[in-house]
Amino acid sequence: MAIRPVYRPKIIKKRTKKFIRHQSDRYVKLRRNWRKPKGIDNRVRRRFKGQYLMPSIGYGSNKKTKHMLPTGFRKVLVHNVKELEMLMMQNRKFCAEIAHGVSSKKRKTIVE
């Protein structure tokens, strides 16, 4: 039987659509990645109706569900067995992810 988290609240995202850069659809050289508009006449910065929305603190996730996986666990990076043992004390809240720089020999010991 798989380990289940102690507490699993419903994760509610306030916004699932990406915030895209102003006029990125118009010019190929402008990537879609968000950049805050700085122009004095910019419609997005002035929050005109019908324009792209700007990211703000109100779109943030709930503090209890922030960085939570759909399973209800929080991911923690593990570099060695000692870190994993510390994590096993709280195994109902966190799950481990083996770090990128860990060798295959050490990975086997961590998995065991």
PDB file of N, CA and C in Angstrom:
ATOM      1  N   MET A   1       0.836  -1.186   0.000  1.00  0.00           N
ATOM      2  CA  MET A   1       0.000   0.000   0.000  1.00  0.00           C
ATOM      3  C   MET A   1       0.883   1.253   0.000  1.00  0.00           C
ATOM      4  N   ALA A   2       0.531   2.200  -0.811  1.00  0.00           N
ATOM      5  CA  ALA A   2       1.326   3.430  -0.939  1.00  0.00           C
ATOM      6  C   ALA A   2       1.117   4.342   0.264  1.00  0.00           C
ATOM      7  N   ILE A   3       2.147   5.132   0.548  1.00  0.00           N
ATOM      8  CA  ILE A   3       2.061   6.102   1.648  1.00  0.00           C
ATOM      9  C   ILE A   3       1.227   7.286   1.190  1.00  0.00           C
ATOM     10  N   ARG A   4       0.288   7.677   2.024  1.00  0.00           N
ATOM     11  CA  ARG A   4      -0.563   8.825   1.711  1.00  0.00           C
ATOM     12  C   ARG A   4      -0.217   9.977   2.632  1.00  0.00           C
ATOM     13  N   PRO A   5      -0.376  11.213   2.160  1.00  0.00           N
ATOM     14  CA  PRO A   5      -0.072  12.362   3.022  1.00  0.00           C
ATOM     15  C   PRO A   5      -1.068  12.491   4.163  1.00  0.00           C
ATOM     16  N   VAL A   6      -0.627  13.127   5.259  1.00  0.00           N
ATOM     17  CA  VAL A   6      -1.484  13.327   6.424  1.00  0.00           C
ATOM     18  C   VAL A   6      -2.651  14.228   6.060  1.00  0.00           C
ATOM     19  N   TYR A   7      -2.337  15.320   5.378  1.00  0.00           N
ATOM     20  CA  TYR A   7      -3.323  16.352   5.096  1.00  0.00           C
ATOM     21  C   TYR A   7      -3.252  16.674   3.610  1.00  0.00           C
ATOM     22  N   ARG A   8      -4.361  16.523   2.907  1.00  0.00           N
ATOM     23  CA  ARG A   8      -4.365  16.788   1.468  1.00  0.00           C
ATOM     24  C   ARG A   8      -5.495  17.738   1.103  1.00  0.00           C
ATOM     25  N   PRO A   9      -5.223  19.048   1.145  1.00  0.00           N
ATOM     26  CA  PRO A   9      -6.266  20.004   0.774  1.00  0.00           C
ATOM     27  C   PRO A   9      -6.430  20.078  -0.741  1.00  0.00           C
ATOM     28  N   LYS A  10      -7.550  20.604  -1.183  1.00  0.00           N
ATOM     29  CA  LYS A  10      -7.786  20.786  -2.612  1.00  0.00           C
ATOM     30  C   LYS A  10      -6.940  21.955  -3.098  1.00  0.00           C
ATOM     31  N   ILE A  11      -6.115  21.718  -4.107  1.00  0.00           N
ATOM     32  CA  ILE A  11      -5.241  22.763  -4.644  1.00  0.00           C
ATOM     33  C   ILE A  11      -6.034  23.591  -5.646  1.00  0.00           C
ATOM     34  N   ILE A  12      -6.174  24.871  -5.350  1.00  0.00           N
ATOM     35  CA  ILE A  12      -6.920  25.782  -6.213  1.00  0.00           C
ATOM     36  C   ILE A  12      -5.955  26.786  -6.823  1.00  0.00           C
ATOM     37  N   LYS A  13      -5.896  26.804  -8.142  1.00  0.00           N
ATOM     38  CA  LYS A  13      -5.071  27.778  -8.857  1.00  0.00           C
ATOM     39  C   LYS A  13      -5.966  28.962  -9.225  1.00  0.00           C
ATOM     40  N   LYS A  14      -5.530  30.170  -8.893  1.00  0.00           N
ATOM     41  CA  LYS A  14      -6.329  31.349  -9.216  1.00  0.00           C
ATOM     42  C   LYS A  14      -6.282  31.664 -10.704  1.00  0.00           C
ATOM     43  N   ARG A  15      -5.167  31.326 -11.344  1.00  0.00           N
ATOM     44  CA  ARG A  15      -5.038  31.552 -12.785  1.00  0.00           C
ATOM     45  C   ARG A  15      -4.166  30.458 -13.376  1.00  0.00           C
ATOM     46  N   THR A  16      -4.674  29.804 -14.431  1.00  0.00           N
ATOM     47  CA  THR A  16      -3.910  28.742 -15.065  1.00  0.00           C
ATOM     48  C   THR A  16      -3.287  29.207 -16.376  1.00  0.00           C
ATOM     49  N   LYS A  17      -3.851  30.271 -16.975  1.00  0.00           N
ATOM     50  CA  LYS A  17      -3.266  30.805 -18.206  1.00  0.00           C
ATOM     51  C   LYS A  17      -1.968  31.532 -17.896  1.00  0.00           C
ATOM     52  N   LYS A  18      -1.026  31.487 -18.836  1.00  0.00           N
ATOM     53  CA  LYS A  18       0.255  32.176 -18.672  1.00  0.00           C
ATOM     54  C   LYS A  18       0.064  33.675 -18.898  1.00  0.00           C
ATOM     55  N   PHE A  19       0.876  34.470 -18.217  1.00  0.00           N
ATOM     56  CA  PHE A  19       0.935  35.896 -18.499  1.00  0.00           C
ATOM     57  C   PHE A  19       1.920  36.070 -19.648  1.00  0.00           C
ATOM     58  N   ILE A  20       1.452  36.643 -20.769  1.00  0.00           N
ATOM     59  CA  ILE A  20       2.359  36.780 -21.903  1.00  0.00           C
ATOM     60  C   ILE A  20       2.733  38.233 -22.117  1.00  0.00           C
ATOM     61  N   ARG A  21       3.874  38.419 -22.746  1.00  0.00           N
ATOM     62  CA  ARG A  21       4.439  39.750 -22.948  1.00  0.00           C
ATOM     63  C   ARG A  21       3.614  40.561 -23.949  1.00  0.00           C
ATOM     64  N   HIS A  22       3.482  41.844 -23.695  1.00  0.00           N
ATOM     65  CA  HIS A  22       2.753  42.768 -24.561  1.00  0.00           C
ATOM     66  C   HIS A  22       3.377  42.789 -25.956  1.00  0.00           C
ATOM     67  N   GLN A  23       2.563  42.614 -26.987  1.00  0.00           N
ATOM     68  CA  GLN A  23       2.934  42.610 -28.409  1.00  0.00           C
ATOM     69  C   GLN A  23       3.852  41.447 -28.801  1.00  0.00           C
ATOM     70  N   SER A  24       3.899  40.394 -27.982  1.00  0.00           N
ATOM     71  CA  SER A  24       4.698  39.222 -28.355  1.00  0.00           C
ATOM     72  C   SER A  24       4.022  38.452 -29.490  1.00  0.00           C
ATOM     73  N   ASP A  25       2.723  38.639 -29.660  1.00  0.00           N
ATOM     74  CA  ASP A  25       2.014  38.015 -30.775  1.00  0.00           C
ATOM     75  C   ASP A  25       2.252  38.773 -32.081  1.00  0.00           C
ATOM     76  N   ARG A  26       2.697  40.004 -31.984  1.00  0.00           N
ATOM     77  CA  ARG A  26       2.874  40.870 -33.150  1.00  0.00           C
ATOM     78  C   ARG A  26       4.269  40.748 -33.767  1.00  0.00           C
ATOM     79  N   TYR A  27       5.278  40.601 -32.915  1.00  0.00           N
ATOM     80  CA  TYR A  27       6.660  40.539 -33.388  1.00  0.00           C
ATOM     81  C   TYR A  27       7.298  39.211 -32.997  1.00  0.00           C
ATOM     82  N   VAL A  28       7.991  38.589 -33.944  1.00  0.00           N
ATOM     83  CA  VAL A  28       8.641  37.302 -33.692  1.00  0.00           C
ATOM     84  C   VAL A  28       9.815  37.476 -32.734  1.00  0.00           C
ATOM     85  N   LYS A  29      10.493  38.622 -32.827  1.00  0.00           N
ATOM     86  CA  LYS A  29      11.684  38.841 -31.993  1.00  0.00           C
ATOM     87  C   LYS A  29      11.350  38.966 -30.506  1.00  0.00           C
ATOM     88  N   LEU A  30      10.098  39.270 -30.172  1.00  0.00           N
ATOM     89  CA  LEU A  30       9.688  39.353 -28.763  1.00  0.00           C
ATOM     90  C   LEU A  30       9.204  37.987 -28.309  1.00  0.00           C
ATOM     91  N   ARG A  31       9.874  37.418 -27.332  1.00  0.00           N
ATOM     92  CA  ARG A  31       9.467  36.121 -26.792  1.00  0.00           C
ATOM     93  C   ARG A  31       8.185  36.283 -25.972  1.00  0.00           C
ATOM     94  N   ARG A  32       7.522  35.154 -25.694  1.00  0.00           N
ATOM     95  CA  ARG A  32       6.270  35.188 -24.932  1.00  0.00           C
ATOM     96  C   ARG A  32       6.494  35.402 -23.435  1.00  0.00           C
ATOM     97  N   ASN A  33       7.741  35.232 -22.964  1.00  0.00           N
ATOM     98  CA  ASN A  33       8.041  35.369 -21.534  1.00  0.00           C
ATOM     99  C   ASN A  33       7.637  36.746 -21.027  1.00  0.00           C
ATOM    100  N   TRP A  34       7.052  36.788 -19.848  1.00  0.00           N
ATOM    101  CA  TRP A  34       6.540  38.028 -19.287  1.00  0.00           C
ATOM    102  C   TRP A  34       7.650  39.034 -19.000  1.00  0.00           C
ATOM    103  N   ARG A  35       7.435  40.264 -19.448  1.00  0.00           N
ATOM    104  CA  ARG A  35       8.273  41.404 -19.091  1.00  0.00           C
ATOM    105  C   ARG A  35       7.334  42.526 -18.708  1.00  0.00           C
ATOM    106  N   LYS A  36       7.622  43.204 -17.617  1.00  0.00           N
ATOM    107  CA  LYS A  36       6.747  44.292 -17.161  1.00  0.00           C
ATOM    108  C   LYS A  36       6.850  45.469 -18.120  1.00  0.00           C
ATOM    109  N   PRO A  37       5.716  45.967 -18.627  1.00  0.00           N
ATOM    110  CA  PRO A  37       5.762  47.115 -19.524  1.00  0.00           C
ATOM    111  C   PRO A  37       6.156  48.389 -18.776  1.00  0.00           C
ATOM    112  N   LYS A  38       7.058  49.167 -19.366  1.00  0.00           N
ATOM    113  CA  LYS A  38       7.582  50.363 -18.701  1.00  0.00           C
ATOM    114  C   LYS A  38       7.211  51.660 -19.419  1.00  0.00           C
ATOM    115  N   GLY A  39       6.560  51.566 -20.571  1.00  0.00           N
ATOM    116  CA  GLY A  39       6.271  52.763 -21.369  1.00  0.00           C
ATOM    117  C   GLY A  39       5.264  53.689 -20.706  1.00  0.00           C
ATOM    118  N   ILE A  40       5.380  54.993 -20.999  1.00  0.00           N
ATOM    119  CA  ILE A  40       4.475  55.970 -20.360  1.00  0.00           C
ATOM    120  C   ILE A  40       3.059  55.864 -20.903  1.00  0.00           C
ATOM    121  N   ASP A  41       2.896  55.424 -22.145  1.00  0.00           N
ATOM    122  CA  ASP A  41       1.566  55.320 -22.757  1.00  0.00           C
ATOM    123  C   ASP A  41       1.074  53.874 -22.856  1.00  0.00           C
ATOM    124  N   ASN A  42       1.760  52.936 -22.240  1.00  0.00           N
ATOM    125  CA  ASN A  42       1.443  51.522 -22.423  1.00  0.00           C
ATOM    126  C   ASN A  42       0.077  51.170 -21.843  1.00  0.00           C
ATOM    127  N   ARG A  43      -0.742  50.495 -22.678  1.00  0.00           N
ATOM    128  CA  ARG A  43      -2.114  50.147 -22.281  1.00  0.00           C
ATOM    129  C   ARG A  43      -2.153  49.039 -21.238  1.00  0.00           C
ATOM    130  N   VAL A  44      -1.207  48.122 -21.340  1.00  0.00           N
ATOM    131  CA  VAL A  44      -1.172  47.004 -20.381  1.00  0.00           C
ATOM    132  C   VAL A  44      -0.806  47.528 -18.994  1.00  0.00           C
ATOM    133  N   ARG A  45       0.217  48.398 -18.943  1.00  0.00           N
ATOM    134  CA  ARG A  45       0.657  48.966 -17.663  1.00  0.00           C
ATOM    135  C   ARG A  45      -0.449  49.794 -17.025  1.00  0.00           C
ATOM    136  N   ARG A  46      -1.226  50.495 -17.862  1.00  0.00           N
ATOM    137  CA  ARG A  46      -2.304  51.343 -17.350  1.00  0.00           C
ATOM    138  C   ARG A  46      -3.592  50.556 -17.086  1.00  0.00           C
ATOM    139  N   ARG A  47      -3.557  49.240 -17.339  1.00  0.00           N
ATOM    140  CA  ARG A  47      -4.660  48.308 -17.058  1.00  0.00           C
ATOM    141  C   ARG A  47      -5.958  48.662 -17.779  1.00  0.00           C
ATOM    142  N   PHE A  48      -5.857  48.899 -19.077  1.00  0.00           N
ATOM    143  CA  PHE A  48      -7.053  49.164 -19.880  1.00  0.00           C
ATOM    144  C   PHE A  48      -7.835  47.869 -20.073  1.00  0.00           C
ATOM    145  N   LYS A  49      -9.132  48.011 -20.257  1.00  0.00           N
ATOM    146  CA  LYS A  49     -10.007  46.869 -20.461  1.00  0.00           C
ATOM    147  C   LYS A  49      -9.683  46.182 -21.794  1.00  0.00           C
ATOM    148  N   GLY A  50      -9.666  44.868 -21.803  1.00  0.00           N
ATOM    149  CA  GLY A  50      -9.418  44.120 -23.029  1.00  0.00           C
ATOM    150  C   GLY A  50      -7.955  43.873 -23.337  1.00  0.00           C
ATOM    151  N   GLN A  51      -7.054  44.358 -22.507  1.00  0.00           N
ATOM    152  CA  GLN A  51      -5.618  44.153 -22.726  1.00  0.00           C
ATOM    153  C   GLN A  51      -5.153  42.944 -21.905  1.00  0.00           C
ATOM    154  N   TYR A  52      -3.887  42.553 -22.112  1.00  0.00           N
ATOM    155  CA  TYR A  52      -3.328  41.453 -21.331  1.00  0.00           C
ATOM    156  C   TYR A  52      -3.303  41.835 -19.861  1.00  0.00           C
ATOM    157  N   LEU A  53      -3.494  40.844 -19.006  1.00  0.00           N
ATOM    158  CA  LEU A  53      -3.424  41.090 -17.569  1.00  0.00           C
ATOM    159  C   LEU A  53      -1.977  41.057 -17.106  1.00  0.00           C
ATOM    160  N   MET A  54      -1.690  41.853 -16.081  1.00  0.00           N
ATOM    161  CA  MET A  54      -0.348  41.866 -15.507  1.00  0.00           C
ATOM    162  C   MET A  54      -0.337  40.987 -14.263  1.00  0.00           C
ATOM    163  N   PRO A  55       0.766  40.271 -14.010  1.00  0.00           N
ATOM    164  CA  PRO A  55       0.865  39.492 -12.783  1.00  0.00           C
ATOM    165  C   PRO A  55       0.862  40.412 -11.573  1.00  0.00           C
ATOM    166  N   SER A  56       0.180  39.994 -10.531  1.00  0.00           N
ATOM    167  CA  SER A  56       0.193  40.752  -9.283  1.00  0.00           C
ATOM    168  C   SER A  56       0.092  39.767  -8.124  1.00  0.00           C
ATOM    169  N   ILE A  57       0.290  40.263  -6.934  1.00  0.00           N
ATOM    170  CA  ILE A  57       0.335  39.413  -5.739  1.00  0.00           C
ATOM    171  C   ILE A  57      -0.990  38.686  -5.502  1.00  0.00           C
ATOM    172  N   GLY A  58      -2.077  39.220  -6.008  1.00  0.00           N
ATOM    173  CA  GLY A  58      -3.394  38.616  -5.826  1.00  0.00           C
ATOM    174  C   GLY A  58      -3.564  37.281  -6.524  1.00  0.00           C
ATOM    175  N   TYR A  59      -2.742  37.001  -7.529  1.00  0.00           N
ATOM    176  CA  TYR A  59      -2.825  35.731  -8.246  1.00  0.00           C
ATOM    177  C   TYR A  59      -2.058  34.618  -7.547  1.00  0.00           C
ATOM    178  N   GLY A  60      -1.392  34.917  -6.449  1.00  0.00           N
ATOM    179  CA  GLY A  60      -0.572  33.934  -5.746  1.00  0.00           C
ATOM    180  C   GLY A  60      -1.385  32.781  -5.182  1.00  0.00           C
ATOM    181  N   SER A  61      -0.726  31.661  -4.974  1.00  0.00           N
ATOM    182  CA  SER A  61      -1.386  30.470  -4.430  1.00  0.00           C
ATOM    183  C   SER A  61      -1.589  30.601  -2.925  1.00  0.00           C
ATOM    184  N   ASN A  62      -2.474  29.774  -2.402  1.00  0.00           N
ATOM    185  CA  ASN A  62      -2.708  29.704  -0.969  1.00  0.00           C
ATOM    186  C   ASN A  62      -1.428  29.230  -0.288  1.00  0.00           C
ATOM    187  N   LYS A  63      -1.113  29.795   0.872  1.00  0.00           N
ATOM    188  CA  LYS A  63       0.129  29.465   1.575  1.00  0.00           C
ATOM    189  C   LYS A  63       0.204  27.978   1.929  1.00  0.00           C
ATOM    190  N   LYS A  64      -0.930  27.373   2.253  1.00  0.00           N
ATOM    191  CA  LYS A  64      -0.948  25.967   2.653  1.00  0.00           C
ATOM    192  C   LYS A  64      -0.709  25.029   1.471  1.00  0.00           C
ATOM    193  N   THR A  65      -1.120  25.436   0.276  1.00  0.00           N
ATOM    194  CA  THR A  65      -0.990  24.555  -0.887  1.00  0.00           C
ATOM    195  C   THR A  65       0.127  24.968  -1.840  1.00  0.00           C
ATOM    196  N   LYS A  66       0.893  26.008  -1.506  1.00  0.00           N
ATOM    197  CA  LYS A  66       1.977  26.469  -2.379  1.00  0.00           C
ATOM    198  C   LYS A  66       3.082  25.411  -2.448  1.00  0.00           C
ATOM    199  N   HIS A  67       3.609  25.164  -3.618  1.00  0.00           N
ATOM    200  CA  HIS A  67       4.660  24.172  -3.897  1.00  0.00           C
ATOM    201  C   HIS A  67       4.208  22.744  -3.598  1.00  0.00           C
ATOM    202  N   MET A  68       2.910  22.484  -3.516  1.00  0.00           N
ATOM    203  CA  MET A  68       2.411  21.147  -3.220  1.00  0.00           C
ATOM    204  C   MET A  68       2.136  20.392  -4.520  1.00  0.00           C
ATOM    205  N   LEU A  69       2.525  19.130  -4.548  1.00  0.00           N
ATOM    206  CA  LEU A  69       2.264  18.280  -5.705  1.00  0.00           C
ATOM    207  C   LEU A  69       0.806  17.830  -5.670  1.00  0.00           C
ATOM    208  N   PRO A  70       0.253  17.382  -6.799  1.00  0.00           N
ATOM    209  CA  PRO A  70      -1.136  16.910  -6.808  1.00  0.00           C
ATOM    210  C   PRO A  70      -1.405  15.760  -5.827  1.00  0.00           C
ATOM    211  N   THR A  71      -0.352  15.011  -5.452  1.00  0.00           N
ATOM    212  CA  THR A  71      -0.514  13.913  -4.496  1.00  0.00           C
ATOM    213  C   THR A  71      -0.683  14.410  -3.065  1.00  0.00           C
ATOM    214  N   GLY A  72      -0.300  15.666  -2.801  1.00  0.00           N
ATOM    215  CA  GLY A  72      -0.400  16.225  -1.454  1.00  0.00           C
ATOM    216  C   GLY A  72       0.940  16.337  -0.749  1.00  0.00           C
ATOM    217  N   PHE A  73       2.005  15.845  -1.392  1.00  0.00           N
ATOM    218  CA  PHE A  73       3.348  15.938  -0.816  1.00  0.00           C
ATOM    219  C   PHE A  73       4.065  17.185  -1.317  1.00  0.00           C
ATOM    220  N   ARG A  74       5.118  17.558  -0.586  1.00  0.00           N
ATOM    221  CA  ARG A  74       6.023  18.617  -1.047  1.00  0.00           C
ATOM    222  C   ARG A  74       7.347  17.968  -1.425  1.00  0.00           C
ATOM    223  N   LYS A  75       7.935  18.420  -2.536  1.00  0.00           N
ATOM    224  CA  LYS A  75       9.170  17.831  -3.050  1.00  0.00           C
ATOM    225  C   LYS A  75      10.378  18.444  -2.352  1.00  0.00           C
ATOM    226  N   VAL A  76      11.329  17.585  -1.935  1.00  0.00           N
ATOM    227  CA  VAL A  76      12.565  18.040  -1.297  1.00  0.00           C
ATOM    228  C   VAL A  76      13.739  17.389  -2.017  1.00  0.00           C
ATOM    229  N   LEU A  77      14.762  18.179  -2.295  1.00  0.00           N
ATOM    230  CA  LEU A  77      15.953  17.690  -2.981  1.00  0.00           C
ATOM    231  C   LEU A  77      16.855  16.954  -1.991  1.00  0.00           C
ATOM    232  N   VAL A  78      17.294  15.745  -2.363  1.00  0.00           N
ATOM    233  CA  VAL A  78      18.125  14.916  -1.495  1.00  0.00           C
ATOM    234  C   VAL A  78      19.457  14.650  -2.186  1.00  0.00           C
ATOM    235  N   HIS A  79      20.574  14.875  -1.454  1.00  0.00           N
ATOM    236  CA  HIS A  79      21.907  14.662  -2.005  1.00  0.00           C
ATOM    237  C   HIS A  79      22.578  13.399  -1.463  1.00  0.00           C
ATOM    238  N   ASN A  80      22.181  12.949  -0.264  1.00  0.00           N
ATOM    239  CA  ASN A  80      22.819  11.763   0.320  1.00  0.00           C
ATOM    240  C   ASN A  80      21.836  11.032   1.238  1.00  0.00           C
ATOM    241  N   VAL A  81      22.286   9.904   1.789  1.00  0.00           N
ATOM    242  CA  VAL A  81      21.438   9.056   2.633  1.00  0.00           C
ATOM    243  C   VAL A  81      21.069   9.769   3.928  1.00  0.00           C
ATOM    244  N   LYS A  82      21.993  10.567   4.460  1.00  0.00           N
ATOM    245  CA  LYS A  82      21.749  11.286   5.715  1.00  0.00           C
ATOM    246  C   LYS A  82      20.567  12.256   5.575  1.00  0.00           C
ATOM    247  N   GLU A  83      20.516  12.954   4.447  1.00  0.00           N
ATOM    248  CA  GLU A  83      19.397  13.867   4.193  1.00  0.00           C
ATOM    249  C   GLU A  83      18.090  13.094   4.044  1.00  0.00           C
ATOM    250  N   LEU A  84      18.173  11.908   3.445  1.00  0.00           N
ATOM    251  CA  LEU A  84      16.984  11.078   3.265  1.00  0.00           C
ATOM    252  C   LEU A  84      16.448  10.587   4.606  1.00  0.00           C
ATOM    253  N   GLU A  85      17.350  10.222   5.528  1.00  0.00           N
ATOM    254  CA  GLU A  85      16.929   9.769   6.858  1.00  0.00           C
ATOM    255  C   GLU A  85      16.219  10.884   7.618  1.00  0.00           C
ATOM    256  N   MET A  86      16.713  12.115   7.466  1.00  0.00           N
ATOM    257  CA  MET A  86      16.049  13.263   8.100  1.00  0.00           C
ATOM    258  C   MET A  86      14.640  13.439   7.533  1.00  0.00           C
ATOM    259  N   LEU A  87      14.506  13.165   6.242  1.00  0.00           N
ATOM    260  CA  LEU A  87      13.221  13.313   5.563  1.00  0.00           C
ATOM    261  C   LEU A  87      12.247  12.202   5.951  1.00  0.00           C
ATOM    262  N   MET A  88      12.771  11.014   6.237  1.00  0.00           N
ATOM    263  CA  MET A  88      11.927   9.876   6.593  1.00  0.00           C
ATOM    264  C   MET A  88      11.178  10.091   7.906  1.00  0.00           C
ATOM    265  N   MET A  89      11.703  10.979   8.751  1.00  0.00           N
ATOM    266  CA  MET A  89      11.001  11.309   9.995  1.00  0.00           C
ATOM    267  C   MET A  89       9.688  12.033   9.701  1.00  0.00           C
ATOM    268  N   GLN A  90       9.637  12.724   8.569  1.00  0.00           N
ATOM    269  CA  GLN A  90       8.433  13.460   8.185  1.00  0.00           C
ATOM    270  C   GLN A  90       7.897  12.918   6.864  1.00  0.00           C
ATOM    271  N   ASN A  91       7.863  11.595   6.733  1.00  0.00           N
ATOM    272  CA  ASN A  91       7.526  10.990   5.450  1.00  0.00           C
ATOM    273  C   ASN A  91       6.069  11.173   5.035  1.00  0.00           C
ATOM    274  N   ARG A  92       5.213  11.697   5.906  1.00  0.00           N
ATOM    275  CA  ARG A  92       3.813  11.907   5.541  1.00  0.00           C
ATOM    276  C   ARG A  92       3.579  13.303   4.973  1.00  0.00           C
ATOM    277  N   LYS A  93       4.627  14.140   4.957  1.00  0.00           N
ATOM    278  CA  LYS A  93       4.499  15.500   4.416  1.00  0.00           C
ATOM    279  C   LYS A  93       5.334  15.724   3.165  1.00  0.00           C
ATOM    280  N   PHE A  94       6.526  15.106   3.126  1.00  0.00           N
ATOM    281  CA  PHE A  94       7.477  15.385   2.059  1.00  0.00           C
ATOM    282  C   PHE A  94       7.820  14.134   1.264  1.00  0.00           C
ATOM    283  N   CYS A  95       8.179  14.337   0.004  1.00  0.00           N
ATOM    284  CA  CYS A  95       8.714  13.251  -0.816  1.00  0.00           C
ATOM    285  C   CYS A  95      10.083  13.685  -1.328  1.00  0.00           C
ATOM    286  N   ALA A  96      10.945  12.724  -1.592  1.00  0.00           N
ATOM    287  CA  ALA A  96      12.330  13.022  -1.962  1.00  0.00           C
ATOM    288  C   ALA A  96      12.520  12.989  -3.468  1.00  0.00           C
ATOM    289  N   GLU A  97      13.390  13.883  -3.925  1.00  0.00           N
ATOM    290  CA  GLU A  97      13.841  13.872  -5.316  1.00  0.00           C
ATOM    291  C   GLU A  97      15.361  13.870  -5.270  1.00  0.00           C
ATOM    292  N   ILE A  98      15.974  12.906  -5.933  1.00  0.00           N
ATOM    293  CA  ILE A  98      17.436  12.811  -5.911  1.00  0.00           C
ATOM    294  C   ILE A  98      18.013  13.914  -6.788  1.00  0.00           C
ATOM    295  N   ALA A  99      19.006  14.617  -6.248  1.00  0.00           N
ATOM    296  CA  ALA A  99      19.614  15.749  -6.946  1.00  0.00           C
ATOM    297  C   ALA A  99      20.319  15.307  -8.226  1.00  0.00           C
ATOM    298  N   HIS A 100      20.460  16.240  -9.143  1.00  0.00           N
ATOM    299  CA  HIS A 100      21.020  15.964 -10.467  1.00  0.00           C
ATOM    300  C   HIS A 100      22.483  15.525 -10.409  1.00  0.00           C
ATOM    301  N   GLY A 101      23.252  16.106  -9.505  1.00  0.00           N
ATOM    302  CA  GLY A 101      24.688  15.849  -9.455  1.00  0.00           C
ATOM    303  C   GLY A 101      25.099  14.600  -8.699  1.00  0.00           C
ATOM    304  N   VAL A 102      24.149  13.799  -8.239  1.00  0.00           N
ATOM    305  CA  VAL A 102      24.465  12.590  -7.474  1.00  0.00           C
ATOM    306  C   VAL A 102      24.849  11.469  -8.438  1.00  0.00           C
ATOM    307  N   SER A 103      25.944  10.764  -8.128  1.00  0.00           N
ATOM    308  CA  SER A 103      26.429   9.692  -9.008  1.00  0.00           C
ATOM    309  C   SER A 103      25.503   8.480  -8.950  1.00  0.00           C
ATOM    310  N   SER A 104      25.654   7.595  -9.942  1.00  0.00           N
ATOM    311  CA  SER A 104      24.782   6.420 -10.029  1.00  0.00           C
ATOM    312  C   SER A 104      25.009   5.461  -8.856  1.00  0.00           C
ATOM    313  N   LYS A 105      26.244   5.389  -8.360  1.00  0.00           N
ATOM    314  CA  LYS A 105      26.558   4.520  -7.219  1.00  0.00           C
ATOM    315  C   LYS A 105      25.824   5.003  -5.961  1.00  0.00           C
ATOM    316  N   LYS A 106      25.883   6.312  -5.720  1.00  0.00           N
ATOM    317  CA  LYS A 106      25.192   6.881  -4.561  1.00  0.00           C
ATOM    318  C   LYS A 106      23.675   6.814  -4.724  1.00  0.00           C
ATOM    319  N   ARG A 107      23.196   6.945  -5.969  1.00  0.00           N
ATOM    320  CA  ARG A 107      21.757   6.849  -6.236  1.00  0.00           C
ATOM    321  C   ARG A 107      21.210   5.498  -5.788  1.00  0.00           C
ATOM    322  N   LYS A 108      21.972   4.438  -6.073  1.00  0.00           N
ATOM    323  CA  LYS A 108      21.538   3.091  -5.691  1.00  0.00           C
ATOM    324  C   LYS A 108      21.401   2.969  -4.182  1.00  0.00           C
ATOM    325  N   THR A 109      22.356   3.545  -3.436  1.00  0.00           N
ATOM    326  CA  THR A 109      22.280   3.473  -1.969  1.00  0.00           C
ATOM    327  C   THR A 109      21.104   4.292  -1.442  1.00  0.00           C
ATOM    328  N   ILE A 110      20.826   5.418  -2.077  1.00  0.00           N
ATOM    329  CA  ILE A 110      19.691   6.253  -1.646  1.00  0.00           C
ATOM    330  C   ILE A 110      18.376   5.534  -1.907  1.00  0.00           C
ATOM    331  N   VAL A 111      18.244   4.904  -3.071  1.00  0.00           N
ATOM    332  CA  VAL A 111      17.005   4.198  -3.426  1.00  0.00           C
ATOM    333  C   VAL A 111      16.767   3.005  -2.504  1.00  0.00           C
ATOM    334  N   GLU A 112      17.840   2.309  -2.120  1.00  0.00           N
ATOM    335  CA  GLU A 112      17.699   1.162  -1.216  1.00  0.00           C
ATOM    336  C   GLU A 112      17.331   1.649   0.164  1.00  0.00           C
TER     337      GLU A 112
END
